[in-house]
Amino acid sequence: MRLTCLILVAAALSACGKDDVIDDQGPEAFYEQGYNAMQANNYPIAAQAFLFLEARYPFSPLARQAQLDLIYVYYRSQQPEAAIDAAEEFERENPTHSRVDYAIYMKGLVLFDESPGILERLFRVDVTVRPPKNTERAFSTFQELLRRFPDSKYAPDARQRMIYLRNRLATYENHVARYYLDRGAYIAAIQRGQYTLERYAGAPQLELTLQLMIEGYDSLGMDDLAEDTRRVLAQSFPEAVAATR
């Protein structure tokens, strides 16, 4: 999609004469126009200016900055697919750039599964029982950011968002495990629990995960594994176990 946009922009530029609206005064002028429009929340004009800059001066330092600003412009103008494409393209074309961490962070932010929408809140829809759209992708993207750029200024926010995502994903996995248990698919439920323990370490929901695994082992008559899991539960959540006695 971005390649198509650049081709169209390049064609428009080649067709422009002296009396046309686009006045090519160099990359600085293009960037200033785009930046000012972005600051004024005029995202269509900002995107147009940045695309013009990238098409006319593709190898200039300002073209790289325009690519980064386009990610933000697409994000704020509610064009998530365009924002993700722009972020991935920047990372692909500029793997050693000093602001690759920003591109990865913005991709994660776009994918971040925010709070329920207006209709979901109105009808009190429990979003945790549905497959969390893009939540796993957002979690993995922030995880990549922390792995590659642990000292990035975006790392603290990414960590906080990962905690939310981790908890929601663990909650959903527990719903799936419960579904399997209720239908007698005990091995599938146990495997789902094992995946949750490995993938979402530290989530408060793991208390329930362990309980569901114990139920699965008990149902299969795997007493030793059930007892081992009970010990893990007691060690990991001693207060919760004590409260049930």
C-alpha atoms as a PDB file:
ATOM      1  CA  MET A   1       0.000   0.000   0.000  1.00  0.00           C
ATOM      2  CA  ARG A   2       2.812   2.400   0.888  1.00  0.00           C
ATOM      3  CA  LEU A   3       4.628   1.535  -2.333  1.00  0.00           C
ATOM      4  CA  THR A   4       1.488   2.430  -4.279  1.00  0.00           C
ATOM      5  CA  CYS A   5       1.242   5.731  -2.411  1.00  0.00           C
ATOM      6  CA  LEU A   6       4.852   6.587  -3.209  1.00  0.00           C
ATOM      7  CA  ILE A   7       4.359   5.770  -6.884  1.00  0.00           C
ATOM      8  CA  LEU A   8       1.301   8.013  -7.023  1.00  0.00           C
ATOM      9  CA  VAL A   9       3.144  10.781  -5.203  1.00  0.00           C
ATOM     10  CA  ALA A  10       6.110  10.496  -7.551  1.00  0.00           C
ATOM     11  CA  ALA A  11       3.770  10.714 -10.545  1.00  0.00           C
ATOM     12  CA  ALA A  12       2.096  13.763  -9.087  1.00  0.00           C
ATOM     13  CA  LEU A  13       5.446  15.422  -8.489  1.00  0.00           C
ATOM     14  CA  SER A  14       6.639  14.781 -12.016  1.00  0.00           C
ATOM     15  CA  ALA A  15       3.444  16.361 -13.344  1.00  0.00           C
ATOM     16  CA  CYS A  16       3.710  19.497 -11.226  1.00  0.00           C
ATOM     17  CA  GLY A  17       4.574  22.767 -12.880  1.00  0.00           C
ATOM     18  CA  LYS A  18       5.537  26.118 -11.462  1.00  0.00           C
ATOM     19  CA  ASP A  19       1.922  27.103 -10.907  1.00  0.00           C
ATOM     20  CA  ASP A  20       0.934  23.929  -9.073  1.00  0.00           C
ATOM     21  CA  VAL A  21       0.157  23.815  -5.366  1.00  0.00           C
ATOM     22  CA  ILE A  22       3.250  21.742  -4.568  1.00  0.00           C
ATOM     23  CA  ASP A  23       6.227  24.069  -4.390  1.00  0.00           C
ATOM     24  CA  ASP A  24       9.427  22.059  -4.141  1.00  0.00           C
ATOM     25  CA  GLN A  25      11.811  24.134  -2.081  1.00  0.00           C
ATOM     26  CA  GLY A  26      13.842  21.192  -0.818  1.00  0.00           C
ATOM     27  CA  PRO A  27      13.424  18.493   1.817  1.00  0.00           C
ATOM     28  CA  GLU A  28      13.469  20.996   4.680  1.00  0.00           C
ATOM     29  CA  ALA A  29      10.408  22.800   3.342  1.00  0.00           C
ATOM     30  CA  PHE A  30       8.521  19.552   2.805  1.00  0.00           C
ATOM     31  CA  TYR A  31       9.351  18.378   6.297  1.00  0.00           C
ATOM     32  CA  GLU A  32       8.425  21.693   7.897  1.00  0.00           C
ATOM     33  CA  GLN A  33       5.042  21.608   6.172  1.00  0.00           C
ATOM     34  CA  GLY A  34       4.449  18.035   7.326  1.00  0.00           C
ATOM     35  CA  TYR A  35       5.639  18.673  10.855  1.00  0.00           C
ATOM     36  CA  ASN A  36       3.504  21.788  11.278  1.00  0.00           C
ATOM     37  CA  ALA A  37       0.459  19.948   9.948  1.00  0.00           C
ATOM     38  CA  MET A  38       1.139  17.047  12.305  1.00  0.00           C
ATOM     39  CA  GLN A  39       1.404  19.409  15.280  1.00  0.00           C
ATOM     40  CA  ALA A  40      -1.917  20.940  14.256  1.00  0.00           C
ATOM     41  CA  ASN A  41      -3.520  17.472  14.055  1.00  0.00           C
ATOM     42  CA  ASN A  42      -4.024  17.921  10.320  1.00  0.00           C
ATOM     43  CA  TYR A  43      -2.960  14.376   9.560  1.00  0.00           C
ATOM     44  CA  PRO A  44      -4.000  14.148   5.870  1.00  0.00           C
ATOM     45  CA  ILE A  45      -1.816  17.148   4.986  1.00  0.00           C
ATOM     46  CA  ALA A  46       1.005  15.845   7.188  1.00  0.00           C
ATOM     47  CA  ALA A  47       0.927  12.435   5.486  1.00  0.00           C
ATOM     48  CA  GLN A  48       0.890  14.055   2.058  1.00  0.00           C
ATOM     49  CA  ALA A  49       3.908  16.231   2.838  1.00  0.00           C
ATOM     50  CA  PHE A  50       5.902  13.366   4.336  1.00  0.00           C
ATOM     51  CA  LEU A  51       5.103  11.129   1.372  1.00  0.00           C
ATOM     52  CA  PHE A  52       6.162  13.907  -1.018  1.00  0.00           C
ATOM     53  CA  LEU A  53       9.429  14.253   0.879  1.00  0.00           C
ATOM     54  CA  GLU A  54      10.089  10.526   0.840  1.00  0.00           C
ATOM     55  CA  ALA A  55       9.317  10.260  -2.867  1.00  0.00           C
ATOM     56  CA  ARG A  56      11.374  13.302  -3.936  1.00  0.00           C
ATOM     57  CA  TYR A  57      14.332  12.922  -1.580  1.00  0.00           C
ATOM     58  CA  PRO A  58      14.394   9.225  -0.608  1.00  0.00           C
ATOM     59  CA  PHE A  59      18.010   9.225   0.595  1.00  0.00           C
ATOM     60  CA  SER A  60      17.979  12.385   2.681  1.00  0.00           C
ATOM     61  CA  PRO A  61      18.156  12.204   6.496  1.00  0.00           C
ATOM     62  CA  LEU A  62      14.815  14.002   6.664  1.00  0.00           C
ATOM     63  CA  ALA A  63      13.237  11.217   4.621  1.00  0.00           C
ATOM     64  CA  ARG A  64      14.056   8.801   7.453  1.00  0.00           C
ATOM     65  CA  GLN A  65      12.504  11.173   9.968  1.00  0.00           C
ATOM     66  CA  ALA A  66       9.470  11.565   7.729  1.00  0.00           C
ATOM     67  CA  GLN A  67       9.063   7.777   7.693  1.00  0.00           C
ATOM     68  CA  LEU A  68       9.041   7.744  11.480  1.00  0.00           C
ATOM     69  CA  ASP A  69       6.562  10.607  11.651  1.00  0.00           C
ATOM     70  CA  LEU A  70       4.313   8.823   9.165  1.00  0.00           C
ATOM     71  CA  ILE A  71       3.966   5.939  11.620  1.00  0.00           C
ATOM     72  CA  TYR A  72       2.628   8.375  14.212  1.00  0.00           C
ATOM     73  CA  VAL A  73       0.412  10.176  11.678  1.00  0.00           C
ATOM     74  CA  TYR A  74      -1.194   6.909  10.581  1.00  0.00           C
ATOM     75  CA  TYR A  75      -1.629   5.854  14.194  1.00  0.00           C
ATOM     76  CA  ARG A  76      -3.330   9.094  15.217  1.00  0.00           C
ATOM     77  CA  SER A  77      -5.527   9.137  12.126  1.00  0.00           C
ATOM     78  CA  GLN A  78      -6.799   5.629  12.975  1.00  0.00           C
ATOM     79  CA  GLN A  79      -5.130   3.811  10.106  1.00  0.00           C
ATOM     80  CA  PRO A  80      -3.621   0.890  12.040  1.00  0.00           C
ATOM     81  CA  GLU A  81      -2.679  -1.247   9.045  1.00  0.00           C
ATOM     82  CA  ALA A  82      -0.866   1.659   7.394  1.00  0.00           C
ATOM     83  CA  ALA A  83       0.928   2.441  10.662  1.00  0.00           C
ATOM     84  CA  ILE A  84       2.074  -1.172  11.087  1.00  0.00           C
ATOM     85  CA  ASP A  85       3.215  -1.326   7.462  1.00  0.00           C
ATOM     86  CA  ALA A  86       5.164   1.916   7.898  1.00  0.00           C
ATOM     87  CA  ALA A  87       6.797   0.677  11.106  1.00  0.00           C
ATOM     88  CA  GLU A  88       7.788  -2.659   9.578  1.00  0.00           C
ATOM     89  CA  GLU A  89       9.094  -0.956   6.449  1.00  0.00           C
ATOM     90  CA  PHE A  90      11.248   1.432   8.463  1.00  0.00           C
ATOM     91  CA  GLU A  91      12.707  -1.429  10.490  1.00  0.00           C
ATOM     92  CA  ARG A  92      13.342  -3.454   7.355  1.00  0.00           C
ATOM     93  CA  GLU A  93      15.005  -0.612   5.454  1.00  0.00           C
ATOM     94  CA  ASN A  94      16.920   0.885   8.395  1.00  0.00           C
ATOM     95  CA  PRO A  95      17.938  -2.031  10.643  1.00  0.00           C
ATOM     96  CA  THR A  96      20.803  -0.110  12.273  1.00  0.00           C
ATOM     97  CA  HIS A  97      19.065   3.252  12.609  1.00  0.00           C
ATOM     98  CA  SER A  98      19.197   4.799  16.061  1.00  0.00           C
ATOM     99  CA  ARG A  99      15.395   5.043  16.200  1.00  0.00           C
ATOM    100  CA  VAL A 100      14.457   1.509  15.275  1.00  0.00           C
ATOM    101  CA  ASP A 101      13.260   1.133  18.857  1.00  0.00           C
ATOM    102  CA  TYR A 102      10.638   3.811  18.202  1.00  0.00           C
ATOM    103  CA  ALA A 103       9.346   1.973  15.128  1.00  0.00           C
ATOM    104  CA  ILE A 104       9.013  -1.268  17.093  1.00  0.00           C
ATOM    105  CA  TYR A 105       7.375   0.521  20.013  1.00  0.00           C
ATOM    106  CA  MET A 106       4.837   2.233  17.763  1.00  0.00           C
ATOM    107  CA  LYS A 107       4.003  -1.078  16.105  1.00  0.00           C
ATOM    108  CA  GLY A 108       3.317  -2.552  19.541  1.00  0.00           C
ATOM    109  CA  LEU A 109       1.264   0.483  20.498  1.00  0.00           C
ATOM    110  CA  VAL A 110      -0.900   0.149  17.404  1.00  0.00           C
ATOM    111  CA  LEU A 111      -1.472  -3.533  18.142  1.00  0.00           C
ATOM    112  CA  PHE A 112      -2.072  -2.920  21.812  1.00  0.00           C
ATOM    113  CA  ASP A 113      -5.489  -4.198  22.759  1.00  0.00           C
ATOM    114  CA  GLU A 114      -6.998  -1.269  24.579  1.00  0.00           C
ATOM    115  CA  SER A 115      -9.982  -1.210  26.913  1.00  0.00           C
ATOM    116  CA  PRO A 116     -13.379  -2.336  25.582  1.00  0.00           C
ATOM    117  CA  GLY A 117     -15.070  -0.050  23.116  1.00  0.00           C
ATOM    118  CA  ILE A 118     -18.263   1.892  23.675  1.00  0.00           C
ATOM    119  CA  LEU A 119     -20.611  -0.903  22.581  1.00  0.00           C
ATOM    120  CA  GLU A 120     -18.717  -3.504  24.618  1.00  0.00           C
ATOM    121  CA  ARG A 121     -18.952  -1.345  27.744  1.00  0.00           C
ATOM    122  CA  LEU A 122     -22.615  -0.557  27.067  1.00  0.00           C
ATOM    123  CA  PHE A 123     -23.569  -4.221  26.847  1.00  0.00           C
ATOM    124  CA  ARG A 124     -21.001  -5.291  29.461  1.00  0.00           C
ATOM    125  CA  VAL A 125     -19.289  -7.729  27.135  1.00  0.00           C
ATOM    126  CA  ASP A 126     -16.625  -9.832  28.851  1.00  0.00           C
ATOM    127  CA  VAL A 127     -13.780  -9.406  26.363  1.00  0.00           C
ATOM    128  CA  THR A 128     -11.588 -11.889  28.255  1.00  0.00           C
ATOM    129  CA  VAL A 129     -13.617 -14.850  27.004  1.00  0.00           C
ATOM    130  CA  ARG A 130     -12.987 -14.041  23.355  1.00  0.00           C
ATOM    131  CA  PRO A 131      -9.811 -14.601  21.348  1.00  0.00           C
ATOM    132  CA  PRO A 132      -7.882 -11.379  22.082  1.00  0.00           C
ATOM    133  CA  LYS A 133      -7.414  -9.739  18.695  1.00  0.00           C
ATOM    134  CA  ASN A 134      -3.809  -8.654  18.140  1.00  0.00           C
ATOM    135  CA  THR A 135      -3.042  -9.013  21.853  1.00  0.00           C
ATOM    136  CA  GLU A 136      -0.499 -11.787  21.325  1.00  0.00           C
ATOM    137  CA  ARG A 137       1.123  -9.796  18.497  1.00  0.00           C
ATOM    138  CA  ALA A 138       1.356  -6.727  20.715  1.00  0.00           C
ATOM    139  CA  PHE A 139       2.845  -8.797  23.548  1.00  0.00           C
ATOM    140  CA  SER A 140       5.449 -10.317  21.210  1.00  0.00           C
ATOM    141  CA  THR A 141       6.304  -6.914  19.708  1.00  0.00           C
ATOM    142  CA  PHE A 142       6.919  -5.313  23.096  1.00  0.00           C
ATOM    143  CA  GLN A 143       8.872  -8.404  24.095  1.00  0.00           C
ATOM    144  CA  GLU A 144      11.096  -7.942  21.041  1.00  0.00           C
ATOM    145  CA  LEU A 145      11.622  -4.290  21.947  1.00  0.00           C
ATOM    146  CA  LEU A 146      12.771  -5.206  25.460  1.00  0.00           C
ATOM    147  CA  ARG A 147      15.011  -7.971  24.156  1.00  0.00           C
ATOM    148  CA  ARG A 148      16.742  -5.816  21.556  1.00  0.00           C
ATOM    149  CA  PHE A 149      16.645  -2.440  23.296  1.00  0.00           C
ATOM    150  CA  PRO A 150      16.382  -2.986  27.065  1.00  0.00           C
ATOM    151  CA  ASP A 151      17.621   0.555  27.755  1.00  0.00           C
ATOM    152  CA  SER A 152      15.272   2.261  25.311  1.00  0.00           C
ATOM    153  CA  LYS A 153      13.294   5.176  26.692  1.00  0.00           C
ATOM    154  CA  TYR A 154      10.200   3.311  25.517  1.00  0.00           C
ATOM    155  CA  ALA A 155      11.068   0.203  27.546  1.00  0.00           C
ATOM    156  CA  PRO A 156       9.324   1.226  30.822  1.00  0.00           C
ATOM    157  CA  ASP A 157       6.015   1.869  29.081  1.00  0.00           C
ATOM    158  CA  ALA A 158       6.380  -1.329  27.057  1.00  0.00           C
ATOM    159  CA  ARG A 159       6.888  -3.316  30.280  1.00  0.00           C
ATOM    160  CA  GLN A 160       3.727  -1.883  31.832  1.00  0.00           C
ATOM    161  CA  ARG A 161       1.707  -2.655  28.737  1.00  0.00           C
ATOM    162  CA  MET A 162       3.107  -6.192  28.676  1.00  0.00           C
ATOM    163  CA  ILE A 163       1.844  -6.758  32.223  1.00  0.00           C
ATOM    164  CA  TYR A 164      -1.677  -5.870  31.132  1.00  0.00           C
ATOM    165  CA  LEU A 165      -1.386  -7.976  27.993  1.00  0.00           C
ATOM    166  CA  ARG A 166       0.110 -10.906  29.891  1.00  0.00           C
ATOM    167  CA  ASN A 167      -2.745 -10.895  32.396  1.00  0.00           C
ATOM    168  CA  ARG A 168      -5.403 -10.714  29.718  1.00  0.00           C
ATOM    169  CA  LEU A 169      -3.816 -13.483  27.679  1.00  0.00           C
ATOM    170  CA  ALA A 170      -3.480 -15.707  30.757  1.00  0.00           C
ATOM    171  CA  THR A 171      -7.138 -15.078  31.599  1.00  0.00           C
ATOM    172  CA  TYR A 172      -8.176 -16.100  28.106  1.00  0.00           C
ATOM    173  CA  GLU A 173      -6.055 -19.256  28.261  1.00  0.00           C
ATOM    174  CA  ASN A 174      -7.797 -20.202  31.510  1.00  0.00           C
ATOM    175  CA  HIS A 175     -11.175 -19.800  29.818  1.00  0.00           C
ATOM    176  CA  VAL A 176     -10.028 -22.176  27.081  1.00  0.00           C
ATOM    177  CA  ALA A 177      -8.718 -24.699  29.613  1.00  0.00           C
ATOM    178  CA  ARG A 178     -12.028 -24.535  31.494  1.00  0.00           C
ATOM    179  CA  TYR A 179     -13.858 -25.150  28.225  1.00  0.00           C
ATOM    180  CA  TYR A 180     -11.789 -28.272  27.595  1.00  0.00           C
ATOM    181  CA  LEU A 181     -12.285 -29.584  31.136  1.00  0.00           C
ATOM    182  CA  ASP A 182     -16.047 -29.172  30.941  1.00  0.00           C
ATOM    183  CA  ARG A 183     -16.033 -31.300  27.793  1.00  0.00           C
ATOM    184  CA  GLY A 184     -13.772 -34.016  29.113  1.00  0.00           C
ATOM    185  CA  ALA A 185     -10.746 -32.992  27.033  1.00  0.00           C
ATOM    186  CA  TYR A 186      -8.433 -33.248  30.028  1.00  0.00           C
ATOM    187  CA  ILE A 187      -5.147 -33.619  28.180  1.00  0.00           C
ATOM    188  CA  ALA A 188      -5.904 -30.558  26.060  1.00  0.00           C
ATOM    189  CA  ALA A 189      -6.737 -28.592  29.208  1.00  0.00           C
ATOM    190  CA  ILE A 190      -3.488 -29.626  30.888  1.00  0.00           C
ATOM    191  CA  GLN A 191      -1.458 -28.741  27.811  1.00  0.00           C
ATOM    192  CA  ARG A 192      -3.121 -25.331  27.715  1.00  0.00           C
ATOM    193  CA  GLY A 193      -2.193 -24.831  31.343  1.00  0.00           C
ATOM    194  CA  GLN A 194       1.418 -25.810  30.729  1.00  0.00           C
ATOM    195  CA  TYR A 195       1.608 -23.319  27.877  1.00  0.00           C
ATOM    196  CA  THR A 196       0.161 -20.587  30.116  1.00  0.00           C
ATOM    197  CA  LEU A 197       2.695 -21.290  32.862  1.00  0.00           C
ATOM    198  CA  GLU A 198       5.596 -21.119  30.431  1.00  0.00           C
ATOM    199  CA  ARG A 199       4.407 -18.123  28.416  1.00  0.00           C
ATOM    200  CA  TYR A 200       2.931 -15.829  31.060  1.00  0.00           C
ATOM    201  CA  ALA A 201       5.098 -16.298  34.125  1.00  0.00           C
ATOM    202  CA  GLY A 202       4.193 -13.985  36.981  1.00  0.00           C
ATOM    203  CA  ALA A 203       0.549 -13.479  36.034  1.00  0.00           C
ATOM    204  CA  PRO A 204      -1.856 -13.592  39.014  1.00  0.00           C
ATOM    205  CA  GLN A 205      -4.131 -15.789  36.884  1.00  0.00           C
ATOM    206  CA  LEU A 206      -1.641 -18.657  37.170  1.00  0.00           C
ATOM    207  CA  GLU A 207      -3.239 -19.601  40.487  1.00  0.00           C
ATOM    208  CA  LEU A 208      -6.347 -20.633  38.571  1.00  0.00           C
ATOM    209  CA  THR A 209      -4.191 -22.197  35.853  1.00  0.00           C
ATOM    210  CA  LEU A 210      -2.636 -24.544  38.384  1.00  0.00           C
ATOM    211  CA  GLN A 211      -6.023 -25.394  39.862  1.00  0.00           C
ATOM    212  CA  LEU A 212      -7.346 -26.273  36.423  1.00  0.00           C
ATOM    213  CA  MET A 213      -4.329 -28.487  35.788  1.00  0.00           C
ATOM    214  CA  ILE A 214      -4.886 -30.262  39.094  1.00  0.00           C
ATOM    215  CA  GLU A 215      -8.494 -30.896  38.110  1.00  0.00           C
ATOM    216  CA  GLY A 216      -7.304 -32.323  34.803  1.00  0.00           C
ATOM    217  CA  TYR A 217      -4.739 -34.624  36.427  1.00  0.00           C
ATOM    218  CA  ASP A 218      -7.284 -35.801  39.008  1.00  0.00           C
ATOM    219  CA  SER A 219      -9.777 -36.595  36.280  1.00  0.00           C
ATOM    220  CA  LEU A 220      -7.179 -38.681  34.468  1.00  0.00           C
ATOM    221  CA  GLY A 221      -6.113 -40.462  37.651  1.00  0.00           C
ATOM    222  CA  MET A 222      -2.575 -39.023  37.425  1.00  0.00           C
ATOM    223  CA  ASP A 223      -2.192 -38.715  41.176  1.00  0.00           C
ATOM    224  CA  ASP A 224       1.548 -38.057  41.241  1.00  0.00           C
ATOM    225  CA  LEU A 225       1.335 -35.193  38.760  1.00  0.00           C
ATOM    226  CA  ALA A 226      -1.681 -33.798  40.585  1.00  0.00           C
ATOM    227  CA  GLU A 227       0.264 -33.784  43.879  1.00  0.00           C
ATOM    228  CA  ASP A 228       3.291 -32.181  42.220  1.00  0.00           C
ATOM    229  CA  THR A 229       1.068 -29.434  40.855  1.00  0.00           C
ATOM    230  CA  ARG A 230      -0.526 -28.935  44.278  1.00  0.00           C
ATOM    231  CA  ARG A 231       2.936 -28.395  45.738  1.00  0.00           C
ATOM    232  CA  VAL A 232       3.715 -25.832  43.057  1.00  0.00           C
ATOM    233  CA  LEU A 233       0.406 -24.120  43.805  1.00  0.00           C
ATOM    234  CA  ALA A 234       1.151 -24.038  47.538  1.00  0.00           C
ATOM    235  CA  GLN A 235       4.643 -22.630  46.960  1.00  0.00           C
ATOM    236  CA  SER A 236       3.540 -20.050  44.408  1.00  0.00           C
ATOM    237  CA  PHE A 237       0.314 -18.893  46.073  1.00  0.00           C
ATOM    238  CA  PRO A 238       0.600 -19.810  49.777  1.00  0.00           C
ATOM    239  CA  GLU A 239      -1.900 -17.194  50.967  1.00  0.00           C
ATOM    240  CA  ALA A 240      -4.586 -18.316  48.531  1.00  0.00           C
ATOM    241  CA  VAL A 241      -4.094 -21.968  49.473  1.00  0.00           C
ATOM    242  CA  ALA A 242      -4.235 -21.169  53.185  1.00  0.00           C
ATOM    243  CA  ALA A 243      -7.495 -19.290  52.711  1.00  0.00           C
ATOM    244  CA  THR A 244      -9.171 -22.402  51.289  1.00  0.00           C
ATOM    245  CA  ARG A 245      -8.330 -24.576  54.265  1.00  0.00           C
END
